[in-house]
C-alpha atoms as a PDB file:
ATOM      1  CA  MET A   1      57.621 -11.711  15.778  1.00  0.00           C
ATOM      2  CA  LEU A   2      53.914 -11.116  14.675  1.00  0.00           C
ATOM      3  CA  ILE A   3      53.746 -10.998  10.758  1.00  0.00           C
ATOM      4  CA  GLY A   4      50.834  -9.590   8.901  1.00  0.00           C
ATOM      5  CA  LEU A   5      49.427 -10.892   5.603  1.00  0.00           C
ATOM      6  CA  THR A   6      46.981  -9.002   3.304  1.00  0.00           C
ATOM      7  CA  GLY A   7      46.573  -8.154  -0.247  1.00  0.00           C
ATOM      8  CA  LEU A   8      43.871  -7.236  -2.712  1.00  0.00           C
ATOM      9  CA  TYR A   9      41.095  -9.110  -4.175  1.00  0.00           C
ATOM     10  CA  CYS A  10      42.214 -12.606  -5.887  1.00  0.00           C
ATOM     11  CA  SER A  11      46.005 -11.393  -5.312  1.00  0.00           C
ATOM     12  CA  GLY A  12      46.598 -14.719  -3.735  1.00  0.00           C
ATOM     13  CA  LYS A  13      47.389 -13.953  -0.154  1.00  0.00           C
ATOM     14  CA  ASN A  14      45.834 -17.507   1.002  1.00  0.00           C
ATOM     15  CA  PHE A  15      48.521 -19.066  -1.306  1.00  0.00           C
ATOM     16  CA  ILE A  16      51.258 -17.071   0.243  1.00  0.00           C
ATOM     17  CA  ALA A  17      49.765 -18.032   3.410  1.00  0.00           C
ATOM     18  CA  SER A  18      50.223 -21.675   2.425  1.00  0.00           C
ATOM     19  CA  LEU A  19      53.623 -21.342   1.576  1.00  0.00           C
ATOM     20  CA  LEU A  20      54.439 -19.460   4.876  1.00  0.00           C
ATOM     21  CA  GLU A  21      52.869 -22.726   6.457  1.00  0.00           C
ATOM     22  CA  GLU A  22      55.103 -24.987   4.756  1.00  0.00           C
ATOM     23  CA  ARG A  23      58.386 -23.062   5.888  1.00  0.00           C
ATOM     24  CA  GLY A  24      56.863 -23.504   9.477  1.00  0.00           C
ATOM     25  CA  PHE A  25      55.198 -20.248  10.371  1.00  0.00           C
ATOM     26  CA  PRO A  26      51.982 -20.766  12.418  1.00  0.00           C
ATOM     27  CA  THR A  27      49.274 -19.141  10.418  1.00  0.00           C
ATOM     28  CA  LEU A  28      45.827 -17.879  11.232  1.00  0.00           C
ATOM     29  CA  ASP A  29      43.426 -16.890   8.525  1.00  0.00           C
ATOM     30  CA  VAL A  30      41.433 -14.716  10.176  1.00  0.00           C
ATOM     31  CA  ASP A  31      38.589 -14.803   7.371  1.00  0.00           C
ATOM     32  CA  LYS A  32      37.721 -18.390   8.709  1.00  0.00           C
ATOM     33  CA  LEU A  33      37.780 -17.219  12.177  1.00  0.00           C
ATOM     34  CA  GLY A  34      35.507 -14.712  11.127  1.00  0.00           C
ATOM     35  CA  HIS A  35      32.944 -17.504  10.181  1.00  0.00           C
ATOM     36  CA  GLU A  36      33.828 -18.996  13.549  1.00  0.00           C
ATOM     37  CA  ALA A  37      32.272 -15.883  15.135  1.00  0.00           C
ATOM     38  CA  ILE A  38      29.532 -15.506  13.120  1.00  0.00           C
ATOM     39  CA  ARG A  39      28.684 -19.172  14.379  1.00  0.00           C
ATOM     40  CA  ARG A  40      29.178 -18.021  17.901  1.00  0.00           C
ATOM     41  CA  GLU A  41      27.150 -15.101  17.535  1.00  0.00           C
ATOM     42  CA  ARG A  42      24.040 -16.702  15.922  1.00  0.00           C
ATOM     43  CA  GLU A  43      21.425 -15.471  18.068  1.00  0.00           C
ATOM     44  CA  ALA A  44      22.603 -11.771  18.206  1.00  0.00           C
ATOM     45  CA  ILE A  45      22.723 -11.837  14.425  1.00  0.00           C
ATOM     46  CA  ILE A  46      19.019 -13.221  14.103  1.00  0.00           C
ATOM     47  CA  ALA A  47      17.980 -10.848  16.634  1.00  0.00           C
ATOM     48  CA  ARG A  48      19.228  -7.832  14.494  1.00  0.00           C
ATOM     49  CA  PHE A  49      18.931  -9.014  10.981  1.00  0.00           C
ATOM     50  CA  GLY A  50      15.980 -11.429  11.544  1.00  0.00           C
ATOM     51  CA  ALA A  51      15.294 -15.190  10.972  1.00  0.00           C
ATOM     52  CA  GLY A  52      15.783 -14.729   6.907  1.00  0.00           C
ATOM     53  CA  VAL A  53      19.272 -14.927   7.031  1.00  0.00           C
ATOM     54  CA  LEU A  54      18.917 -18.790   8.132  1.00  0.00           C
ATOM     55  CA  GLU A  55      19.866 -21.774   5.946  1.00  0.00           C
ATOM     56  CA  LYS A  56      16.726 -23.543   5.764  1.00  0.00           C
ATOM     57  CA  GLU A  57      18.041 -26.881   6.375  1.00  0.00           C
ATOM     58  CA  SER A  58      20.677 -26.298   9.041  1.00  0.00           C
ATOM     59  CA  GLY A  59      19.120 -23.715  10.793  1.00  0.00           C
ATOM     60  CA  GLU A  60      22.682 -21.972  10.476  1.00  0.00           C
ATOM     61  CA  ILE A  61      23.561 -18.495   9.734  1.00  0.00           C
ATOM     62  CA  ASP A  62      24.032 -18.199   5.856  1.00  0.00           C
ATOM     63  CA  ARG A  63      26.658 -15.772   4.898  1.00  0.00           C
ATOM     64  CA  ARG A  64      25.361 -15.255   1.431  1.00  0.00           C
ATOM     65  CA  LEU A  65      22.010 -14.272   2.766  1.00  0.00           C
ATOM     66  CA  LEU A  66      23.716 -11.917   5.539  1.00  0.00           C
ATOM     67  CA  GLY A  67      26.025 -10.396   3.085  1.00  0.00           C
ATOM     68  CA  GLU A  68      22.975  -9.643   1.039  1.00  0.00           C
ATOM     69  CA  LYS A  69      21.396  -7.662   4.148  1.00  0.00           C
ATOM     70  CA  VAL A  70      24.281  -5.439   4.561  1.00  0.00           C
ATOM     71  CA  PHE A  71      25.290  -4.922   1.185  1.00  0.00           C
ATOM     72  CA  GLY A  72      25.502  -1.174  -0.044  1.00  0.00           C
ATOM     73  CA  SER A  73      24.443  -0.308   3.491  1.00  0.00           C
ATOM     74  CA  PRO A  74      26.879   1.221   6.055  1.00  0.00           C
ATOM     75  CA  ARG A  75      24.586   1.345   8.788  1.00  0.00           C
ATOM     76  CA  GLU A  76      23.661  -2.444   8.269  1.00  0.00           C
ATOM     77  CA  LEU A  77      27.250  -3.238   7.847  1.00  0.00           C
ATOM     78  CA  ALA A  78      28.421  -1.547  11.043  1.00  0.00           C
ATOM     79  CA  ALA A  79      25.658  -2.982  12.996  1.00  0.00           C
ATOM     80  CA  LEU A  80      27.013  -6.669  11.852  1.00  0.00           C
ATOM     81  CA  GLU A  81      30.477  -5.506  12.533  1.00  0.00           C
ATOM     82  CA  ALA A  82      29.586  -4.661  16.165  1.00  0.00           C
ATOM     83  CA  ILE A  83      28.209  -7.765  16.782  1.00  0.00           C
ATOM     84  CA  VAL A  84      30.912 -10.034  15.106  1.00  0.00           C
ATOM     85  CA  HIS A  85      33.913  -8.229  15.481  1.00  0.00           C
ATOM     86  CA  PRO A  86      34.706  -8.338  19.335  1.00  0.00           C
ATOM     87  CA  THR A  87      34.506 -12.135  19.122  1.00  0.00           C
ATOM     88  CA  ALA A  88      36.703 -12.415  16.171  1.00  0.00           C
ATOM     89  CA  ASN A  89      39.102 -10.005  18.126  1.00  0.00           C
ATOM     90  CA  ALA A  90      38.836 -11.940  20.984  1.00  0.00           C
ATOM     91  CA  LEU A  91      39.563 -15.276  18.900  1.00  0.00           C
ATOM     92  CA  THR A  92      42.594 -13.761  17.374  1.00  0.00           C
ATOM     93  CA  SER A  93      44.218 -12.642  20.560  1.00  0.00           C
ATOM     94  CA  GLU A  94      43.467 -16.185  21.829  1.00  0.00           C
ATOM     95  CA  TRP A  95      45.228 -17.583  19.036  1.00  0.00           C
ATOM     96  CA  ILE A  96      48.455 -15.149  18.918  1.00  0.00           C
ATOM     97  CA  ALA A  97      48.628 -15.833  22.979  1.00  0.00           C
ATOM     98  CA  ALA A  98      48.907 -19.732  22.153  1.00  0.00           C
ATOM     99  CA  GLN A  99      51.618 -19.279  19.973  1.00  0.00           C
ATOM    100  CA  SER A 100      53.890 -19.071  22.989  1.00  0.00           C
ATOM    101  CA  GLY A 101      56.270 -16.336  21.414  1.00  0.00           C
ATOM    102  CA  LYS A 102      56.779 -18.400  18.140  1.00  0.00           C
ATOM    103  CA  THR A 103      57.198 -15.965  14.974  1.00  0.00           C
ATOM    104  CA  CYS A 104      53.516 -16.515  13.440  1.00  0.00           C
ATOM    105  CA  VAL A 105      51.308 -15.077  10.801  1.00  0.00           C
ATOM    106  CA  VAL A 106      48.007 -13.336  10.748  1.00  0.00           C
ATOM    107  CA  ASN A 107      46.473 -13.599   7.329  1.00  0.00           C
ATOM    108  CA  ALA A 108      43.541 -11.013   7.023  1.00  0.00           C
ATOM    109  CA  ALA A 109      41.821  -9.349   3.953  1.00  0.00           C
ATOM    110  CA  LEU A 110      41.233  -6.446   6.000  1.00  0.00           C
ATOM    111  CA  LEU A 111      44.618  -6.505   8.230  1.00  0.00           C
ATOM    112  CA  HIS A 112      44.124  -2.987   9.194  1.00  0.00           C
ATOM    113  CA  ARG A 113      41.103  -3.789  11.347  1.00  0.00           C
ATOM    114  CA  SER A 114      42.340  -6.639  13.054  1.00  0.00           C
ATOM    115  CA  ILE A 115      43.145  -6.523  16.763  1.00  0.00           C
ATOM    116  CA  ALA A 116      46.581  -7.616  16.002  1.00  0.00           C
ATOM    117  CA  PHE A 117      47.337  -4.367  13.722  1.00  0.00           C
ATOM    118  CA  ASP A 118      49.274  -2.414  16.275  1.00  0.00           C
ATOM    119  CA  ARG A 119      51.024  -5.326  17.193  1.00  0.00           C
ATOM    120  CA  LEU A 120      52.520  -6.093  14.135  1.00  0.00           C
ATOM    121  CA  ASP A 121      56.430  -6.603  13.676  1.00  0.00           C
ATOM    122  CA  ALA A 122      56.314  -6.784   9.963  1.00  0.00           C
ATOM    123  CA  ILE A 123      53.463  -6.564   6.991  1.00  0.00           C
ATOM    124  CA  VAL A 124      53.285  -8.842   3.816  1.00  0.00           C
ATOM    125  CA  ILE A 125      51.442  -7.103   1.242  1.00  0.00           C
ATOM    126  CA  VAL A 126      50.492  -9.861  -1.640  1.00  0.00           C
ATOM    127  CA  LYS A 127      50.193  -8.155  -5.200  1.00  0.00           C
ATOM    128  CA  ALA A 128      49.243  -8.966  -8.690  1.00  0.00           C
ATOM    129  CA  GLY A 129      48.440  -7.442 -11.768  1.00  0.00           C
ATOM    130  CA  PHE A 130      44.643  -6.215 -12.346  1.00  0.00           C
ATOM    131  CA  ALA A 131      44.267  -8.194 -15.498  1.00  0.00           C
ATOM    132  CA  THR A 132      45.592 -11.343 -13.223  1.00  0.00           C
ATOM    133  CA  ARG A 133      43.477 -10.686 -10.535  1.00  0.00           C
ATOM    134  CA  LEU A 134      40.320 -10.131 -12.844  1.00  0.00           C
ATOM    135  CA  ILE A 135      41.058 -13.663 -14.596  1.00  0.00           C
ATOM    136  CA  ARG A 136      41.687 -15.156 -11.120  1.00  0.00           C
ATOM    137  CA  ALA A 137      38.288 -13.927  -9.585  1.00  0.00           C
ATOM    138  CA  ARG A 138      36.084 -14.744 -12.729  1.00  0.00           C
ATOM    139  CA  LYS A 139      37.327 -18.458 -12.644  1.00  0.00           C
ATOM    140  CA  ARG A 140      37.020 -18.545  -8.919  1.00  0.00           C
ATOM    141  CA  ASP A 141      34.014 -16.838  -7.835  1.00  0.00           C
ATOM    142  CA  ARG A 142      31.938 -16.681 -11.366  1.00  0.00           C
ATOM    143  CA  LEU A 143      30.456 -13.452 -10.966  1.00  0.00           C
ATOM    144  CA  THR A 144      29.336 -10.952 -13.876  1.00  0.00           C
ATOM    145  CA  TRP A 145      32.249  -8.333 -15.195  1.00  0.00           C
ATOM    146  CA  ILE A 146      30.144  -5.931 -13.590  1.00  0.00           C
ATOM    147  CA  GLU A 147      30.030  -7.505 -10.099  1.00  0.00           C
ATOM    148  CA  LEU A 148      34.100  -8.020 -10.163  1.00  0.00           C
ATOM    149  CA  ILE A 149      34.655  -4.549 -11.252  1.00  0.00           C
ATOM    150  CA  LYS A 150      32.466  -2.976  -8.221  1.00  0.00           C
ATOM    151  CA  ARG A 151      34.562  -5.562  -5.785  1.00  0.00           C
ATOM    152  CA  PHE A 152      37.392  -4.063  -7.456  1.00  0.00           C
ATOM    153  CA  LEU A 153      36.574  -0.826  -7.049  1.00  0.00           C
ATOM    154  CA  ARG A 154      35.721  -1.305  -3.178  1.00  0.00           C
ATOM    155  CA  GLN A 155      38.944  -1.733  -2.500  1.00  0.00           C
ATOM    156  CA  ARG A 156      40.510   1.817  -3.805  1.00  0.00           C
ATOM    157  CA  GLY A 157      42.734   3.091  -1.180  1.00  0.00           C
ATOM    158  CA  PHE A 158      43.666  -0.193   0.209  1.00  0.00           C
ATOM    159  CA  SER A 159      47.301   0.511   0.567  1.00  0.00           C
ATOM    160  CA  SER A 160      46.894   3.775   2.074  1.00  0.00           C
ATOM    161  CA  HIS A 161      46.239   1.923   5.270  1.00  0.00           C
ATOM    162  CA  TYR A 162      49.814   0.650   5.594  1.00  0.00           C
ATOM    163  CA  LEU A 163      51.612   3.622   4.467  1.00  0.00           C
ATOM    164  CA  LYS A 164      49.595   5.547   7.423  1.00  0.00           C
ATOM    165  CA  LYS A 165      50.590   3.092   9.465  1.00  0.00           C
ATOM    166  CA  ASN A 166      54.341   4.317   9.076  1.00  0.00           C
ATOM    167  CA  ALA A 167      53.323   7.708   8.991  1.00  0.00           C
ATOM    168  CA  ASP A 168      51.665   7.506  12.463  1.00  0.00           C
ATOM    169  CA  ASN A 169      55.225   6.581  13.652  1.00  0.00           C
ATOM    170  CA  LYS A 170      54.463   2.969  14.313  1.00  0.00           C
ATOM    171  CA  ARG A 171      57.035   1.657  11.883  1.00  0.00           C
ATOM    172  CA  VAL A 172      56.972  -1.635  10.788  1.00  0.00           C
ATOM    173  CA  ASN A 173      58.961  -3.217   7.733  1.00  0.00           C
ATOM    174  CA  ILE A 174      56.751  -3.879   4.836  1.00  0.00           C
ATOM    175  CA  TYR A 175      57.320  -6.382   2.162  1.00  0.00           C
ATOM    176  CA  ASN A 176      55.643  -6.609  -1.333  1.00  0.00           C
ATOM    177  CA  ILE A 177      55.339  -9.749  -3.093  1.00  0.00           C
ATOM    178  CA  ASN A 178      54.510 -10.338  -6.393  1.00  0.00           C
ATOM    179  CA  ASN A 179      52.314 -13.450  -6.638  1.00  0.00           C
ATOM    180  CA  THR A 180      52.347 -13.780 -10.512  1.00  0.00           C
ATOM    181  CA  VAL A 181      54.902 -16.575 -11.413  1.00  0.00           C
ATOM    182  CA  GLU A 182      55.114 -19.202  -8.553  1.00  0.00           C
ATOM    183  CA  LYS A 183      58.794 -19.828  -8.971  1.00  0.00           C
ATOM    184  CA  ASN A 184      59.539 -16.233  -8.393  1.00  0.00           C
ATOM    185  CA  VAL A 185      57.089 -15.794  -5.757  1.00  0.00           C
ATOM    186  CA  ARG A 186      58.923 -18.788  -3.940  1.00  0.00           C
ATOM    187  CA  LYS A 187      62.140 -16.963  -4.299  1.00  0.00           C
ATOM    188  CA  GLN A 188      61.045 -13.516  -3.149  1.00  0.00           C
ATOM    189  CA  LEU A 189      59.337 -15.315  -0.280  1.00  0.00           C
ATOM    190  CA  ASP A 190      62.559 -16.908   0.952  1.00  0.00           C
ATOM    191  CA  ARG A 191      64.538 -13.618   0.487  1.00  0.00           C
ATOM    192  CA  MET A 192      61.948 -11.818   2.650  1.00  0.00           C
ATOM    193  CA  ILE A 193      62.243 -14.641   5.475  1.00  0.00           C
ATOM    194  CA  ARG A 194      66.043 -14.279   5.467  1.00  0.00           C
ATOM    195  CA  LEU A 195      65.589 -10.360   5.827  1.00  0.00           C
ATOM    196  CA  LEU A 196      63.265 -11.029   8.721  1.00  0.00           C
ATOM    197  CA  GLN A 197      65.681 -13.344  10.218  1.00  0.00           C
ATOM    198  CA  GLY A 198      68.792 -10.915   9.695  1.00  0.00           C
ATOM    199  CA  THR A 199      70.426 -13.541   7.548  1.00  0.00           C
ATOM    200  CA  ASP A 200      70.534 -11.884   4.239  1.00  0.00           C
ATOM    201  CA  CYS A 201      73.559  -9.776   4.187  1.00  0.00           C
ATOM    202  CA  LYS A 202      72.912  -8.687   0.184  1.00  0.00           C
ATOM    203  CA  GLY A 203      71.219  -5.471   1.414  1.00  0.00           C
END
């Protein structure tokens, strides 16, 4: 079984991923894998965006500088994705194949754009209230309130990608995990696992 894990900005999906790993599910962090894809495509990125995206000391791609290059420009973002996504997708497929049929988890902020999306048997969507996410984001990323609100607004329509998957007759089980109180999160997660394994008889 292949499980997809996603969630809105600062909903805490990486925390849920860690809990799934504790329970024995191999978990791929696609966002980290994207960093590897950027490293591998260093020359192509420099050719397209220039040496201004390099860290001065290491000579490696500075993801912050690269992000500034593409921020707010659909054309530039599409150019970057055309370079990075094929490599990231290949690495994702390799990882899934290496699990030898185990039930595993693909953790991705943009899960609907992963090559794994059409192969998923279940999707876990991590949720938390707006205020909770805003406070977490402020504490973690230390951005201004305006910058944070902009990030939140860019995720409008998030759920539609997963509702559409079922509307397209590619039905998968979708589970919502409310990541607000840790004790409750663990109970929700254990119940979800029992449902996935067909061992929960409470309906």
